[in-house]
Protein backbone atom coordinates (compact mmCIF):
# COMPACT_ATOMS: atom_id res chain seq x y z
CA MET A 1 14.88 -6.13 26.32
CA ILE A 2 14.30 -9.66 27.42
CA LYS A 3 11.52 -10.73 29.72
CA VAL A 4 11.44 -14.43 30.83
CA HIS A 5 8.20 -15.90 31.95
CA GLU A 6 8.29 -19.36 33.82
CA LEU A 7 4.79 -20.46 33.01
CA SER A 8 5.17 -24.08 34.20
CA ASP A 9 7.69 -26.86 34.76
CA ASP A 10 7.83 -27.70 31.18
CA PHE A 11 7.17 -24.38 29.41
CA ARG A 12 8.98 -20.99 29.29
CA TRP A 13 8.15 -17.87 27.36
CA VAL A 14 10.99 -15.53 26.56
CA ALA A 15 9.68 -12.21 25.16
CA VAL A 16 12.30 -10.16 23.32
CA ASN A 17 11.39 -6.57 22.50
CA ASN A 18 13.61 -4.18 20.44
CA TYR A 19 16.44 -6.68 20.07
CA THR A 20 19.99 -5.28 20.58
CA GLU A 21 23.47 -6.66 20.46
CA ASN A 22 23.47 -6.71 24.24
CA ASP A 23 20.73 -9.38 24.12
CA TYR A 24 22.82 -11.56 21.85
CA HIS A 25 24.90 -13.31 24.48
CA GLN A 26 21.92 -14.11 26.70
CA LEU A 27 19.95 -15.64 23.86
CA VAL A 28 22.83 -17.70 22.53
CA SER A 29 24.24 -18.80 25.88
CA GLU A 30 21.14 -19.30 27.97
CA GLU A 31 18.39 -19.97 25.39
CA HIS A 32 20.74 -21.79 22.92
CA VAL A 33 19.63 -19.77 19.86
CA THR A 34 21.79 -20.17 16.82
CA ASP A 35 23.24 -17.28 14.94
CA GLU A 36 21.37 -18.19 11.77
CA MET A 37 17.94 -18.41 13.51
CA LEU A 38 18.58 -15.25 15.49
CA GLY A 39 19.43 -13.43 12.10
CA TYR A 40 16.08 -14.55 10.71
CA ALA A 41 14.02 -13.66 13.74
CA THR A 42 15.59 -10.15 14.15
CA ASP A 43 15.84 -9.04 10.52
CA GLN A 44 13.19 -6.52 10.13
CA HIS A 45 13.31 -6.82 6.26
CA GLU A 46 12.27 -10.46 6.33
CA ARG A 47 8.95 -11.45 4.94
CA GLY A 48 6.65 -14.19 6.30
CA ARG A 49 8.47 -17.53 6.17
CA LEU A 50 9.04 -20.77 8.07
CA GLU A 51 12.51 -21.85 8.96
CA TYR A 52 13.77 -25.03 10.72
CA ASP A 53 17.19 -25.94 11.88
CA ALA A 54 17.32 -29.83 12.22
CA LYS A 55 20.53 -29.85 14.11
CA SER A 56 19.42 -27.68 16.96
CA ALA A 57 15.71 -28.54 16.50
CA ILE A 58 14.70 -24.86 16.36
CA THR A 59 11.66 -23.74 14.56
CA THR A 60 11.19 -20.12 13.57
CA ILE A 61 7.80 -18.68 12.28
CA ILE A 62 8.01 -15.12 10.79
CA PHE A 63 4.69 -13.47 10.32
CA ASP A 64 3.70 -10.08 8.81
CA VAL A 65 1.33 -8.03 10.87
CA VAL A 66 -0.60 -4.75 10.29
CA THR A 67 0.72 -1.96 12.35
CA GLU A 68 0.51 1.80 12.51
CA ASP A 69 2.97 4.75 13.00
CA ASP A 70 2.28 8.41 13.50
CA ASP A 71 4.68 9.32 10.76
CA GLU A 72 4.42 6.34 8.32
CA GLY A 73 0.75 5.64 8.81
CA THR A 74 -0.53 1.99 8.27
CA TYR A 75 2.01 -0.44 7.14
CA THR A 76 3.17 -3.96 7.81
CA ALA A 77 5.95 -5.25 10.04
CA GLN A 78 7.19 -8.75 11.01
CA VAL A 79 7.07 -10.59 14.24
CA SER A 80 8.90 -13.84 14.98
CA PHE A 81 7.89 -16.91 17.05
CA MET A 82 10.73 -19.30 17.80
CA LEU A 83 10.34 -22.74 19.49
CA ILE A 84 13.28 -24.50 21.21
CA ASP A 85 12.16 -27.60 23.08
CA HIS A 86 9.72 -26.28 25.65
CA THR A 87 10.69 -22.63 25.25
CA LEU A 88 8.79 -20.12 23.22
CA LEU A 89 10.69 -16.97 22.18
CA THR A 90 8.90 -14.02 20.53
CA PHE A 91 10.61 -11.00 18.86
CA THR A 92 8.78 -7.80 18.63
CA THR A 93 9.46 -3.90 18.42
CA ASP A 94 7.68 -0.91 19.85
CA ASN A 95 5.36 -0.92 16.85
CA THR A 96 4.52 -4.66 17.18
CA ILE A 97 4.47 -4.89 20.97
CA PHE A 98 0.70 -5.46 20.78
CA VAL A 99 1.47 -9.09 19.56
CA GLU A 100 3.24 -9.71 22.80
CA ASN A 101 0.31 -8.42 24.71
CA MET A 102 -2.10 -10.53 22.66
CA LEU A 103 -0.04 -13.66 23.28
CA ALA A 104 0.06 -12.87 27.05
CA ASP A 105 -3.77 -12.58 27.01
CA GLU A 106 -4.03 -16.01 25.27
CA ILE A 107 -1.76 -17.68 27.73
CA ASP A 108 -3.64 -16.14 30.71
CA ALA A 109 -6.95 -17.11 29.30
CA ASP A 110 -6.51 -20.83 28.69
CA TRP A 111 -3.15 -22.01 29.77
CA GLU A 112 -4.50 -25.09 31.54
CA ASP A 113 -6.45 -26.34 28.49
CA VAL A 114 -3.51 -25.88 26.08
CA LEU A 115 -1.26 -28.90 25.49
CA HIS A 116 1.33 -27.26 23.25
CA PRO A 117 2.71 -23.74 22.54
CA TYR A 118 1.48 -24.09 18.95
CA ASP A 119 -2.06 -23.71 20.19
CA HIS A 120 -1.23 -20.31 21.62
CA ILE A 121 0.69 -19.31 18.42
CA PHE A 122 -2.24 -20.39 16.14
CA ASN A 123 -4.75 -18.52 18.16
CA VAL A 124 -2.65 -15.34 17.88
CA LEU A 125 -1.96 -15.81 14.26
CA TYR A 126 -5.68 -16.17 13.63
CA LYS A 127 -6.27 -12.77 15.26
CA LEU A 128 -3.42 -11.15 13.38
CA SER A 129 -4.82 -12.45 10.06
CA ARG A 130 -8.17 -10.94 10.77
CA GLN A 131 -6.64 -7.62 11.51
CA TYR A 132 -6.04 -7.19 7.80
CA PHE A 133 -9.91 -6.96 7.29
CA SER A 134 -10.29 -3.85 9.27
CA ALA A 135 -7.24 -2.24 7.76
CA ILE A 136 -8.47 -2.93 4.17
CA ASN A 137 -11.99 -1.88 5.15
CA LYS A 138 -10.47 1.42 6.44
CA ILE A 139 -8.81 1.96 3.11
CA ASN A 140 -11.99 1.23 1.12
CA LYS A 141 -13.76 3.80 3.37
CA GLN A 142 -11.07 6.34 2.58
CA ARG A 143 -11.27 5.64 -1.11
CA GLN A 144 -15.07 6.13 -1.06
CA ASP A 145 -14.60 9.51 0.76
CA ILE A 146 -12.12 10.55 -1.90
CA GLN A 147 -14.53 9.58 -4.60
CA MET A 148 -17.25 11.78 -3.08
CA LYS A 149 -14.91 14.80 -3.00
CA MET A 150 -13.80 14.10 -6.66
CA LYS A 151 -17.41 14.21 -7.75
CA LYS A 152 -17.59 17.89 -6.68
CA GLN A 153 -14.04 18.93 -7.95
CA ILE A 154 -11.17 16.88 -9.24
CA GLN A 155 -7.85 17.93 -7.88
CA ARG A 156 -4.40 16.41 -8.40
CA SER A 157 -3.82 16.28 -4.66
CA VAL A 158 -6.70 13.75 -4.39
CA ILE A 159 -5.06 11.67 -7.04
CA ILE A 160 -1.93 11.53 -4.87
CA GLN A 161 -3.99 10.38 -1.88
CA LEU A 162 -5.32 7.50 -4.02
CA MET A 163 -1.68 6.73 -4.93
CA ASP A 164 -0.86 6.53 -1.21
CA LEU A 165 -3.72 4.14 -0.54
CA GLU A 166 -2.57 2.07 -3.58
CA THR A 167 0.96 1.93 -2.08
CA THR A 168 -0.27 0.76 1.24
CA LEU A 169 -2.22 -1.94 -0.45
CA VAL A 170 0.89 -3.17 -2.26
CA TYR A 171 2.58 -3.65 1.12
CA PHE A 172 -0.58 -5.46 2.31
CA LEU A 173 -0.54 -7.81 -0.78
CA THR A 174 3.09 -8.69 -0.40
CA SER A 175 2.70 -9.43 3.23
CA LEU A 176 -0.51 -11.42 2.77
CA LYS A 177 1.19 -13.46 -0.06
CA SER A 178 4.20 -14.32 2.08
CA ASN A 179 1.94 -15.15 5.05
CA ASN A 180 -0.04 -17.55 2.87
CA ASP A 181 2.99 -19.16 1.61
CA MET A 182 4.27 -19.62 5.16
CA LEU A 183 1.07 -21.06 6.36
CA GLN A 184 0.88 -23.55 3.55
CA SER A 185 4.56 -24.58 4.41
CA LEU A 186 3.53 -24.90 8.09
CA LYS A 187 0.74 -27.22 7.25
CA ARG A 188 3.06 -29.54 5.44
CA PHE A 189 5.71 -29.13 8.15
CA VAL A 190 7.08 -32.60 8.76
CA PRO A 191 9.21 -32.28 11.95
CA VAL A 192 6.03 -31.45 13.93
CA LYS A 193 3.04 -33.76 14.13
CA PHE A 194 0.07 -31.50 14.57
CA SER A 195 -3.10 -32.75 16.25
CA ALA A 196 -6.42 -32.78 14.46
CA ALA A 197 -7.50 -29.66 16.45
CA GLN A 198 -4.29 -27.90 15.56
CA LEU A 199 -4.66 -28.68 11.88
CA GLU A 200 -8.28 -27.50 11.90
CA ARG A 201 -7.08 -24.26 13.55
CA LEU A 202 -4.35 -23.88 10.96
CA ASP A 203 -6.89 -24.36 8.23
CA ASP A 204 -9.00 -21.56 9.70
CA ILE A 205 -5.92 -19.29 9.62
CA ILE A 206 -5.26 -20.07 6.05
CA VAL A 207 -8.88 -19.31 5.11
CA GLU A 208 -8.75 -15.91 6.87
CA ALA A 209 -5.31 -15.10 5.20
CA GLN A 210 -6.66 -16.09 1.76
CA GLN A 211 -9.73 -13.99 2.38
CA GLY A 212 -7.52 -11.06 3.26
CA LEU A 213 -5.53 -11.57 0.21
CA GLU A 214 -8.69 -11.50 -2.04
CA MET A 215 -9.90 -8.39 -0.29
CA ALA A 216 -6.63 -6.62 -0.77
CA ASN A 217 -6.67 -7.57 -4.54
CA ILE A 218 -10.07 -6.39 -4.99
CA ALA A 219 -9.45 -3.11 -3.10
CA SER A 220 -6.22 -2.57 -5.09
CA ASP A 221 -7.88 -3.15 -8.38
CA ILE A 222 -10.79 -0.75 -7.59
CA ILE A 223 -8.28 1.99 -6.49
CA GLY A 224 -6.13 1.49 -9.51
CA ARG A 225 -9.16 1.81 -11.86
CA VAL A 226 -10.53 4.83 -9.95
CA SER A 227 -7.11 6.55 -10.10
CA ASN A 228 -6.74 5.83 -13.79
CA ALA A 229 -10.23 7.20 -14.49
CA TYR A 230 -9.69 10.45 -12.63
CA SER A 231 -6.19 10.79 -14.30
CA ASN A 232 -7.84 10.54 -17.67
CA ILE A 233 -10.53 13.17 -16.75
CA LEU A 234 -7.69 15.42 -15.67
CA ASP A 235 -5.80 14.79 -18.90
CA ASN A 236 -8.90 15.44 -20.89
CA SER A 237 -9.45 18.69 -19.12
CA LEU A 238 -5.88 19.68 -19.86
CA ASN A 239 -6.48 18.79 -23.54
CA ASN A 240 -9.42 20.95 -23.72
CA THR A 241 -7.56 23.86 -22.28
CA MET A 242 -4.74 23.34 -24.70
CA TRP A 243 -7.37 23.15 -27.53
CA VAL A 244 -8.83 26.53 -26.57
CA LEU A 245 -5.46 28.14 -26.23
CA THR A 246 -4.52 26.72 -29.72
CA ILE A 247 -7.63 28.11 -31.30
CA PHE A 248 -7.02 31.58 -29.69
CA SER A 249 -3.41 31.48 -30.88
CA ILE A 250 -4.38 30.66 -34.51
CA VAL A 251 -7.22 33.11 -34.66
CA LEU A 252 -5.25 35.95 -33.06
CA THR A 253 -2.51 35.45 -35.63
CA MET A 254 -4.75 36.93 -38.43
CA PRO A 255 -5.11 40.49 -36.90
CA ASN A 256 -1.16 40.52 -36.40
CA ILE A 257 -0.59 39.65 -40.06
CA VAL A 258 -3.10 42.33 -41.15
CA PHE A 259 -1.92 45.10 -38.89
CA GLY A 260 1.62 44.17 -39.48
CA PHE A 261 1.09 44.45 -43.29
CA PHE A 262 -0.61 47.80 -43.05
CA GLY A 263 2.10 49.12 -40.59
CA GLN A 264 4.83 49.09 -43.32
CA ASN A 265 6.40 52.46 -44.24
CA VAL A 266 5.44 52.24 -47.95
CA ASP A 267 2.46 53.21 -50.08
CA LEU A 268 -0.44 50.93 -49.16
CA PRO A 269 -4.08 50.60 -50.00
CA PHE A 270 -6.57 52.83 -48.20
CA MET A 271 -3.91 55.30 -47.17
CA LYS A 272 -6.03 58.10 -48.68
CA ASN A 273 -9.43 56.61 -47.66
CA PRO A 274 -11.07 58.32 -44.60
CA PHE A 275 -12.30 54.88 -43.56
CA GLY A 276 -8.90 53.18 -43.98
CA TRP A 277 -8.52 52.26 -40.21
CA GLU A 278 -12.01 50.78 -40.18
CA ILE A 279 -11.48 48.82 -43.29
CA THR A 280 -8.29 47.16 -41.93
CA VAL A 281 -10.12 46.24 -38.77
CA VAL A 282 -12.99 44.61 -40.88
CA ILE A 283 -10.37 42.79 -42.90
CA ALA A 284 -8.76 41.47 -39.74
CA ILE A 285 -12.16 40.32 -38.32
CA ALA A 286 -13.19 38.75 -41.54
CA LEU A 287 -9.96 36.67 -41.62
CA CYS A 288 -10.53 35.66 -37.94
CA VAL A 289 -14.09 34.49 -38.80
CA LEU A 290 -12.82 32.70 -41.95
CA THR A 291 -10.16 30.87 -39.90
CA ILE A 292 -12.71 29.76 -37.32
CA TRP A 293 -14.98 28.53 -40.15
CA LEU A 294 -12.14 26.60 -41.76
CA LEU A 295 -11.19 24.96 -38.51
CA ARG A 296 -14.78 23.92 -37.68
CA ARG A 297 -15.23 22.59 -41.24
CA ASN A 298 -12.21 20.49 -40.98
CA SER A 299 -13.11 19.21 -37.56
CA PHE A 300 -10.08 20.55 -35.92
CA ARG A 301 -11.18 19.14 -32.50
CA LYS A 302 -11.73 15.59 -33.78
């Protein structure tokens, strides 16, 4: 769906939400968007990047944002900002429609004081970069809750929860790295001469993005270490269980040998002895005790 906002005589905002093939002809014929740039802006698998078409003078900024879905939970998705002369185009989906609303608030707030669309874009990018902080802090809080549960009882289901958090952080790290690379490229962007205020704002965005990247790295490292530690504890518990079962198996082999020997249909010792059964039981117990002593003496558990 395409919504066109005529903001002034020399500035238009074209908001594209849930791009479809039906929107293609309008964007190409009326907004003069090239196929290549349209492909970059609408590809949901693109990472943060900066593209410039010198022939048509089109600049495309792709930025990864934090979003949430009822089925997939917290993850990242891309939004695109495209500048053609005095027209700003934004490309969003249902999960990233909040970016369009955020931009609308920025435009309504200080349109008269803004000299260039980049000012609006930079303000939105600054807010989007800071959204990673709350998302990472939420993951840290979930990790702390999991650790409190693990102190009481270690379960494999909790390890799986830690793995899910670690997977989410991998997406965050990938998005933050691509966003940082894009912002650095934008700072060195030759076709546009940014003002001193715009460069200062861009530096603020870069600082926020780098801080988010550092937070994500620390959180990922902590979760990885916690997950490995509890996995080792579970493995050690399993080893202890296997050790006990092995000891029982070895010790209980002795009575089987004794009773199997005295169960032969041939003449055997103690056949005429009234205490023959008791003697065989004592022999079996003695062999069990001897086996345990030998295992302890040779440090079987070492």
